[in-house]
Every structure is written in C-alpha cells, then in structure tokens.
Amino acid sequence: MARVADSNVPTVPCVGVWRGACAEFDLAQFTLETRLQDAQVFPDAGGCYSTGQIAQAIYGSLFGERLRRTKEEADQTGLKNAILRREYLPAAELSKTLGEVARAMTQIVRGSELPRRGQGPASYR
C-alpha cells in the first residue's frame, strides 16, 4: 500500500492504531482483525480504520439490531392481525383436517353400492 504524500499515515499501516485499539478494547490483534473482517468493515485509502468502524466490528450495529427488532415486531403484529381476522390457518392443523376429510370420503366411497371398479384408482382394487 503506497503512502499518501504529506500524510500522518505511517509507512507500516496503523501499527500504532492496532496496538492502541487492541489495548483499549482488551483484544488480541488477531481477534480484532477477525471481527473487522466478519463485520465487513474496510479500511480507508490509507489503510486505517476509524474508531466507529472498530466499535461497530466489536459491538455490532445498534441501528441494525433496532431494524431487526422492528421487523420482528411488525411480523408479530401482522400475524396477530391475521389471526384476529380469521385469515390465519396453521399448516399442521390444516393438514390434519384435510387428512380427516380424505379418510372420510374414502370410507364413504368404499362403503357405497358402487362396483369395486368404480370406487377409485387401481390401487383401491
């Protein structure tokens, strides 16, 4: 990485910053680097990270967590409203009910006066 002329960026990218950040947050350099990578935080043109980027990588994004919580609350409210409007059908209950209907229809057809051949597919014969 080339050094920007007339800058205070050291020739070895941010060695002092790494030491300072690792000491400040009580982390090993490898741990800090891993968290920066996991958070997809990238250095500026000079190869340095801002304090905000380091804090975001270590502690996460408060905005992101609030957004996730808001989405979850909206989903929960939508589900409650669907239940109140009787628009919600749980898949397990629906499957069980439709299975019972199918069994009842099969019993009715099999118990009818229809000849065996007219009662359904070949698998019923």
N, C-alpha and C. Protein backbone atom coordinates (compact mmCIF):
# COMPACT_ATOMS: atom_id res chain seq x y z
N MET A 1 0.85 -1.16 0.00
CA MET A 1 0.00 0.00 0.00
C MET A 1 0.90 1.22 0.00
N ALA A 2 0.68 2.11 -0.94
CA ALA A 2 1.52 3.30 -1.07
C ALA A 2 1.14 4.33 -0.02
N ARG A 3 2.14 5.04 0.44
CA ARG A 3 1.92 6.08 1.44
C ARG A 3 1.50 7.36 0.75
N VAL A 4 0.47 8.02 1.25
CA VAL A 4 -0.01 9.27 0.71
C VAL A 4 0.99 10.37 1.10
N ALA A 5 1.37 11.18 0.13
CA ALA A 5 2.33 12.25 0.41
C ALA A 5 1.74 13.24 1.41
N ASP A 6 2.59 13.79 2.26
CA ASP A 6 2.20 14.77 3.28
C ASP A 6 1.06 14.26 4.16
N SER A 7 1.17 13.02 4.59
CA SER A 7 0.13 12.49 5.46
C SER A 7 0.75 12.01 6.76
N ASN A 8 -0.08 11.81 7.74
CA ASN A 8 0.40 11.29 9.01
C ASN A 8 0.24 9.78 9.11
N VAL A 9 -0.09 9.14 7.99
CA VAL A 9 -0.27 7.70 7.98
C VAL A 9 1.11 7.06 7.98
N PRO A 10 1.38 6.16 8.92
CA PRO A 10 2.70 5.55 8.99
C PRO A 10 2.96 4.64 7.80
N THR A 11 4.24 4.37 7.54
CA THR A 11 4.59 3.50 6.41
C THR A 11 4.11 2.08 6.64
N VAL A 12 4.12 1.62 7.88
CA VAL A 12 3.53 0.33 8.22
C VAL A 12 2.11 0.65 8.66
N PRO A 13 1.11 0.19 7.89
CA PRO A 13 -0.26 0.63 8.13
C PRO A 13 -0.77 0.43 9.55
N CYS A 14 -0.96 1.50 10.23
CA CYS A 14 -1.69 1.57 11.50
C CYS A 14 -1.18 0.64 12.60
N VAL A 15 0.12 0.41 12.65
CA VAL A 15 0.65 -0.45 13.71
C VAL A 15 0.32 0.15 15.07
N GLY A 16 0.52 1.44 15.22
CA GLY A 16 0.22 2.10 16.48
C GLY A 16 -1.26 2.05 16.80
N VAL A 17 -2.07 2.22 15.77
CA VAL A 17 -3.52 2.17 15.96
C VAL A 17 -3.94 0.77 16.39
N TRP A 18 -3.35 -0.27 15.78
CA TRP A 18 -3.67 -1.64 16.15
C TRP A 18 -3.36 -1.87 17.62
N ARG A 19 -2.16 -1.46 18.02
CA ARG A 19 -1.76 -1.66 19.42
C ARG A 19 -2.71 -0.89 20.35
N GLY A 20 -3.00 0.34 19.97
CA GLY A 20 -3.88 1.16 20.81
C GLY A 20 -5.28 0.59 20.89
N ALA A 21 -5.83 0.18 19.75
CA ALA A 21 -7.20 -0.36 19.72
C ALA A 21 -7.25 -1.69 20.47
N CYS A 22 -6.25 -2.52 20.27
CA CYS A 22 -6.24 -3.81 20.97
C CYS A 22 -6.14 -3.62 22.48
N ALA A 23 -5.32 -2.67 22.90
CA ALA A 23 -5.20 -2.40 24.33
C ALA A 23 -6.48 -1.76 24.87
N GLU A 24 -7.04 -0.83 24.12
CA GLU A 24 -8.24 -0.12 24.56
C GLU A 24 -9.43 -1.07 24.73
N PHE A 25 -9.58 -2.00 23.79
CA PHE A 25 -10.73 -2.91 23.82
C PHE A 25 -10.37 -4.27 24.42
N ASP A 26 -9.15 -4.41 24.90
CA ASP A 26 -8.67 -5.63 25.54
C ASP A 26 -8.88 -6.84 24.64
N LEU A 27 -8.37 -6.74 23.41
CA LEU A 27 -8.48 -7.81 22.44
C LEU A 27 -7.12 -8.11 21.84
N ALA A 28 -6.92 -9.34 21.42
CA ALA A 28 -5.72 -9.69 20.66
C ALA A 28 -5.87 -9.13 19.25
N GLN A 29 -4.76 -8.87 18.59
CA GLN A 29 -4.81 -8.30 17.25
C GLN A 29 -5.56 -9.23 16.29
N PHE A 30 -5.31 -10.53 16.41
CA PHE A 30 -6.00 -11.49 15.54
C PHE A 30 -7.51 -11.41 15.73
N THR A 31 -7.96 -11.29 16.97
CA THR A 31 -9.39 -11.20 17.27
C THR A 31 -9.99 -9.94 16.65
N LEU A 32 -9.28 -8.83 16.80
CA LEU A 32 -9.77 -7.57 16.23
C LEU A 32 -9.84 -7.66 14.71
N GLU A 33 -8.80 -8.23 14.09
CA GLU A 33 -8.80 -8.38 12.63
C GLU A 33 -9.96 -9.27 12.18
N THR A 34 -10.18 -10.35 12.91
CA THR A 34 -11.27 -11.27 12.55
C THR A 34 -12.63 -10.58 12.66
N ARG A 35 -12.83 -9.82 13.71
CA ARG A 35 -14.11 -9.13 13.88
C ARG A 35 -14.31 -8.06 12.81
N LEU A 36 -13.25 -7.39 12.43
CA LEU A 36 -13.35 -6.40 11.34
C LEU A 36 -13.74 -7.09 10.03
N GLN A 37 -13.15 -8.25 9.77
CA GLN A 37 -13.48 -8.99 8.55
C GLN A 37 -14.92 -9.50 8.61
N ASP A 38 -15.31 -10.07 9.74
CA ASP A 38 -16.67 -10.61 9.89
C ASP A 38 -17.73 -9.52 9.73
N ALA A 39 -17.42 -8.31 10.23
CA ALA A 39 -18.36 -7.19 10.14
C ALA A 39 -18.31 -6.53 8.77
N GLN A 40 -17.43 -7.02 7.91
CA GLN A 40 -17.24 -6.46 6.56
C GLN A 40 -16.97 -4.96 6.64
N VAL A 41 -16.05 -4.61 7.53
CA VAL A 41 -15.60 -3.23 7.70
C VAL A 41 -14.25 -3.12 7.00
N PHE A 42 -14.08 -2.11 6.16
CA PHE A 42 -12.87 -1.98 5.36
C PHE A 42 -12.14 -0.69 5.70
N PRO A 43 -10.80 -0.72 5.63
CA PRO A 43 -10.02 0.48 5.95
C PRO A 43 -10.16 1.55 4.87
N ASP A 44 -9.76 2.76 5.23
CA ASP A 44 -9.79 3.85 4.24
C ASP A 44 -8.61 3.71 3.30
N ALA A 45 -8.42 4.69 2.43
CA ALA A 45 -7.35 4.64 1.43
C ALA A 45 -5.98 4.54 2.07
N GLY A 46 -5.83 5.05 3.26
CA GLY A 46 -4.55 4.98 3.96
C GLY A 46 -4.35 3.69 4.73
N GLY A 47 -5.32 2.79 4.72
CA GLY A 47 -5.20 1.51 5.40
C GLY A 47 -5.61 1.55 6.86
N CYS A 48 -6.27 2.62 7.29
CA CYS A 48 -6.67 2.75 8.69
C CYS A 48 -8.18 2.61 8.85
N TYR A 49 -8.56 2.22 10.06
CA TYR A 49 -9.97 2.12 10.42
C TYR A 49 -10.31 3.26 11.36
N SER A 50 -11.53 3.73 11.28
CA SER A 50 -11.97 4.76 12.22
C SER A 50 -12.38 4.10 13.53
N THR A 51 -12.47 4.89 14.57
CA THR A 51 -12.91 4.38 15.86
C THR A 51 -14.32 3.80 15.75
N GLY A 52 -15.17 4.47 14.98
CA GLY A 52 -16.53 3.98 14.77
C GLY A 52 -16.55 2.62 14.10
N GLN A 53 -15.68 2.42 13.12
CA GLN A 53 -15.62 1.13 12.44
C GLN A 53 -15.17 0.03 13.40
N ILE A 54 -14.16 0.34 14.21
CA ILE A 54 -13.67 -0.65 15.16
C ILE A 54 -14.76 -0.97 16.19
N ALA A 55 -15.44 0.05 16.69
CA ALA A 55 -16.51 -0.19 17.66
C ALA A 55 -17.64 -0.99 17.04
N GLN A 56 -17.99 -0.70 15.80
CA GLN A 56 -19.05 -1.46 15.11
C GLN A 56 -18.66 -2.92 14.97
N ALA A 57 -17.40 -3.17 14.61
CA ALA A 57 -16.95 -4.55 14.43
C ALA A 57 -16.96 -5.32 15.75
N ILE A 58 -16.64 -4.64 16.83
CA ILE A 58 -16.56 -5.32 18.12
C ILE A 58 -17.94 -5.49 18.76
N TYR A 59 -18.72 -4.43 18.73
CA TYR A 59 -20.00 -4.45 19.46
C TYR A 59 -21.23 -4.64 18.58
N GLY A 60 -21.08 -4.57 17.28
CA GLY A 60 -22.21 -4.70 16.38
C GLY A 60 -22.85 -3.35 16.10
N SER A 61 -23.84 -3.38 15.26
CA SER A 61 -24.51 -2.16 14.84
C SER A 61 -25.82 -1.99 15.60
N LEU A 62 -25.92 -0.93 16.38
CA LEU A 62 -27.16 -0.66 17.11
C LEU A 62 -28.30 -0.42 16.13
N PHE A 63 -28.02 0.28 15.03
CA PHE A 63 -29.05 0.53 14.02
C PHE A 63 -29.55 -0.78 13.43
N GLY A 64 -28.62 -1.69 13.11
CA GLY A 64 -29.00 -2.98 12.54
C GLY A 64 -29.87 -3.79 13.48
N GLU A 65 -29.52 -3.77 14.76
CA GLU A 65 -30.31 -4.50 15.75
C GLU A 65 -31.70 -3.89 15.93
N ARG A 66 -31.76 -2.57 15.91
CA ARG A 66 -33.07 -1.91 16.02
C ARG A 66 -33.93 -2.23 14.81
N LEU A 67 -33.32 -2.24 13.64
CA LEU A 67 -34.06 -2.56 12.42
C LEU A 67 -34.58 -3.99 12.46
N ARG A 68 -33.74 -4.94 12.91
CA ARG A 68 -34.16 -6.33 13.02
C ARG A 68 -35.32 -6.46 14.01
N ARG A 69 -35.23 -5.76 15.13
CA ARG A 69 -36.29 -5.81 16.14
C ARG A 69 -37.59 -5.23 15.59
N THR A 70 -37.48 -4.12 14.87
CA THR A 70 -38.68 -3.50 14.28
C THR A 70 -39.34 -4.44 13.29
N LYS A 71 -38.55 -5.13 12.48
CA LYS A 71 -39.11 -6.09 11.52
C LYS A 71 -39.82 -7.24 12.24
N GLU A 72 -39.19 -7.75 13.30
CA GLU A 72 -39.80 -8.84 14.07
C GLU A 72 -41.12 -8.40 14.71
N GLU A 73 -41.14 -7.19 15.24
CA GLU A 73 -42.37 -6.67 15.84
C GLU A 73 -43.46 -6.50 14.79
N ALA A 74 -43.08 -6.05 13.59
CA ALA A 74 -44.06 -5.90 12.51
C ALA A 74 -44.60 -7.26 12.09
N ASP A 75 -43.73 -8.28 12.01
CA ASP A 75 -44.19 -9.62 11.67
C ASP A 75 -45.14 -10.16 12.72
N GLN A 76 -44.81 -9.93 13.99
CA GLN A 76 -45.67 -10.40 15.08
C GLN A 76 -47.03 -9.72 15.04
N THR A 77 -47.05 -8.42 14.80
CA THR A 77 -48.31 -7.67 14.72
C THR A 77 -49.13 -8.16 13.53
N GLY A 78 -48.47 -8.40 12.40
CA GLY A 78 -49.18 -8.91 11.23
C GLY A 78 -49.80 -10.27 11.48
N LEU A 79 -49.08 -11.14 12.17
CA LEU A 79 -49.60 -12.47 12.50
C LEU A 79 -50.80 -12.37 13.44
N LYS A 80 -50.69 -11.52 14.45
CA LYS A 80 -51.81 -11.34 15.38
C LYS A 80 -53.05 -10.81 14.65
N ASN A 81 -52.85 -9.86 13.75
CA ASN A 81 -53.98 -9.30 12.99
C ASN A 81 -54.60 -10.35 12.09
N ALA A 82 -53.78 -11.18 11.46
CA ALA A 82 -54.32 -12.24 10.60
C ALA A 82 -55.15 -13.23 11.42
N ILE A 83 -54.69 -13.53 12.62
CA ILE A 83 -55.44 -14.44 13.50
C ILE A 83 -56.77 -13.80 13.91
N LEU A 84 -56.74 -12.52 14.28
CA LEU A 84 -57.97 -11.83 14.68
C LEU A 84 -58.97 -11.74 13.53
N ARG A 85 -58.49 -11.59 12.30
CA ARG A 85 -59.37 -11.51 11.13
C ARG A 85 -59.75 -12.89 10.60
N ARG A 86 -59.26 -13.92 11.30
CA ARG A 86 -59.50 -15.31 10.91
C ARG A 86 -58.98 -15.62 9.51
N GLU A 87 -57.83 -15.04 9.21
CA GLU A 87 -57.17 -15.28 7.91
C GLU A 87 -56.00 -16.24 8.05
N TYR A 88 -55.68 -16.63 9.27
CA TYR A 88 -54.50 -17.46 9.52
C TYR A 88 -54.91 -18.91 9.71
N LEU A 89 -54.30 -19.80 8.96
CA LEU A 89 -54.54 -21.22 9.11
C LEU A 89 -53.21 -21.91 9.39
N PRO A 90 -53.02 -22.45 10.57
CA PRO A 90 -51.78 -23.16 10.85
C PRO A 90 -51.65 -24.39 9.95
N ALA A 91 -50.50 -24.58 9.35
CA ALA A 91 -50.28 -25.66 8.38
C ALA A 91 -50.55 -27.04 8.99
N ALA A 92 -50.13 -27.27 10.22
CA ALA A 92 -50.31 -28.58 10.84
C ALA A 92 -51.80 -28.89 11.03
N GLU A 93 -52.55 -27.91 11.49
CA GLU A 93 -53.99 -28.11 11.69
C GLU A 93 -54.70 -28.32 10.35
N LEU A 94 -54.33 -27.53 9.36
CA LEU A 94 -54.95 -27.65 8.04
C LEU A 94 -54.68 -29.03 7.45
N SER A 95 -53.44 -29.49 7.56
CA SER A 95 -53.07 -30.80 7.03
C SER A 95 -53.84 -31.91 7.74
N LYS A 96 -53.94 -31.82 9.05
CA LYS A 96 -54.67 -32.82 9.82
C LYS A 96 -56.14 -32.85 9.41
N THR A 97 -56.76 -31.71 9.28
CA THR A 97 -58.18 -31.62 8.92
C THR A 97 -58.42 -32.17 7.51
N LEU A 98 -57.55 -31.78 6.57
CA LEU A 98 -57.73 -32.28 5.20
C LEU A 98 -57.51 -33.79 5.12
N GLY A 99 -56.60 -34.32 5.95
CA GLY A 99 -56.40 -35.77 6.01
C GLY A 99 -57.64 -36.48 6.52
N GLU A 100 -58.28 -35.90 7.52
CA GLU A 100 -59.52 -36.48 8.05
C GLU A 100 -60.63 -36.46 7.01
N VAL A 101 -60.72 -35.37 6.26
CA VAL A 101 -61.72 -35.26 5.19
C VAL A 101 -61.47 -36.33 4.13
N ALA A 102 -60.21 -36.52 3.75
CA ALA A 102 -59.88 -37.52 2.73
C ALA A 102 -60.23 -38.93 3.20
N ARG A 103 -59.91 -39.22 4.48
CA ARG A 103 -60.25 -40.56 5.02
C ARG A 103 -61.77 -40.76 5.05
N ALA A 104 -62.52 -39.74 5.44
CA ALA A 104 -63.98 -39.86 5.49
C ALA A 104 -64.55 -40.08 4.10
N MET A 105 -64.03 -39.35 3.10
CA MET A 105 -64.52 -39.54 1.73
C MET A 105 -64.21 -40.94 1.22
N THR A 106 -63.02 -41.44 1.54
CA THR A 106 -62.64 -42.78 1.11
C THR A 106 -63.56 -43.82 1.73
N GLN A 107 -63.87 -43.67 3.02
CA GLN A 107 -64.77 -44.61 3.69
C GLN A 107 -66.17 -44.58 3.08
N ILE A 108 -66.64 -43.39 2.75
CA ILE A 108 -67.98 -43.27 2.15
C ILE A 108 -68.02 -43.97 0.80
N VAL A 109 -66.97 -43.73 -0.02
CA VAL A 109 -66.95 -44.35 -1.35
C VAL A 109 -66.83 -45.87 -1.23
N ARG A 110 -65.96 -46.33 -0.36
CA ARG A 110 -65.77 -47.78 -0.21
C ARG A 110 -67.01 -48.47 0.37
N GLY A 111 -67.76 -47.75 1.17
CA GLY A 111 -68.98 -48.33 1.76
C GLY A 111 -70.20 -48.17 0.85
N SER A 112 -70.02 -47.57 -0.30
CA SER A 112 -71.17 -47.34 -1.19
C SER A 112 -71.50 -48.58 -2.00
N GLU A 113 -72.59 -48.48 -2.77
CA GLU A 113 -73.07 -49.57 -3.61
C GLU A 113 -72.33 -49.63 -4.94
N LEU A 114 -71.38 -48.72 -5.15
CA LEU A 114 -70.63 -48.72 -6.41
C LEU A 114 -69.86 -50.02 -6.56
N PRO A 115 -69.76 -50.50 -7.81
CA PRO A 115 -68.92 -51.68 -8.01
C PRO A 115 -67.46 -51.34 -7.66
N ARG A 116 -66.68 -52.31 -7.27
CA ARG A 116 -65.29 -52.10 -6.84
C ARG A 116 -64.49 -51.33 -7.90
N ARG A 117 -64.74 -51.63 -9.15
CA ARG A 117 -64.01 -50.98 -10.24
C ARG A 117 -64.32 -49.48 -10.30
N GLY A 118 -65.49 -49.06 -9.92
CA GLY A 118 -65.89 -47.67 -10.00
C GLY A 118 -65.55 -46.87 -8.73
N GLN A 119 -64.93 -47.50 -7.75
CA GLN A 119 -64.66 -46.82 -6.50
C GLN A 119 -63.39 -45.97 -6.50
N GLY A 120 -62.58 -46.06 -7.49
CA GLY A 120 -61.40 -45.23 -7.49
C GLY A 120 -60.26 -45.80 -8.29
N PRO A 121 -59.06 -45.31 -8.07
CA PRO A 121 -57.89 -45.76 -8.82
C PRO A 121 -57.62 -47.23 -8.61
N ALA A 122 -56.75 -47.76 -9.44
CA ALA A 122 -56.42 -49.19 -9.38
C ALA A 122 -55.85 -49.60 -8.04
N SER A 123 -55.23 -48.68 -7.35
CA SER A 123 -54.63 -49.01 -6.05
C SER A 123 -55.69 -49.36 -5.00
N TYR A 124 -56.94 -48.97 -5.24
CA TYR A 124 -58.01 -49.28 -4.30
C TYR A 124 -58.60 -50.65 -4.54
N ARG A 125 -58.31 -51.26 -5.67
CA ARG A 125 -58.94 -52.54 -6.04
C ARG A 125 -58.34 -53.70 -5.33
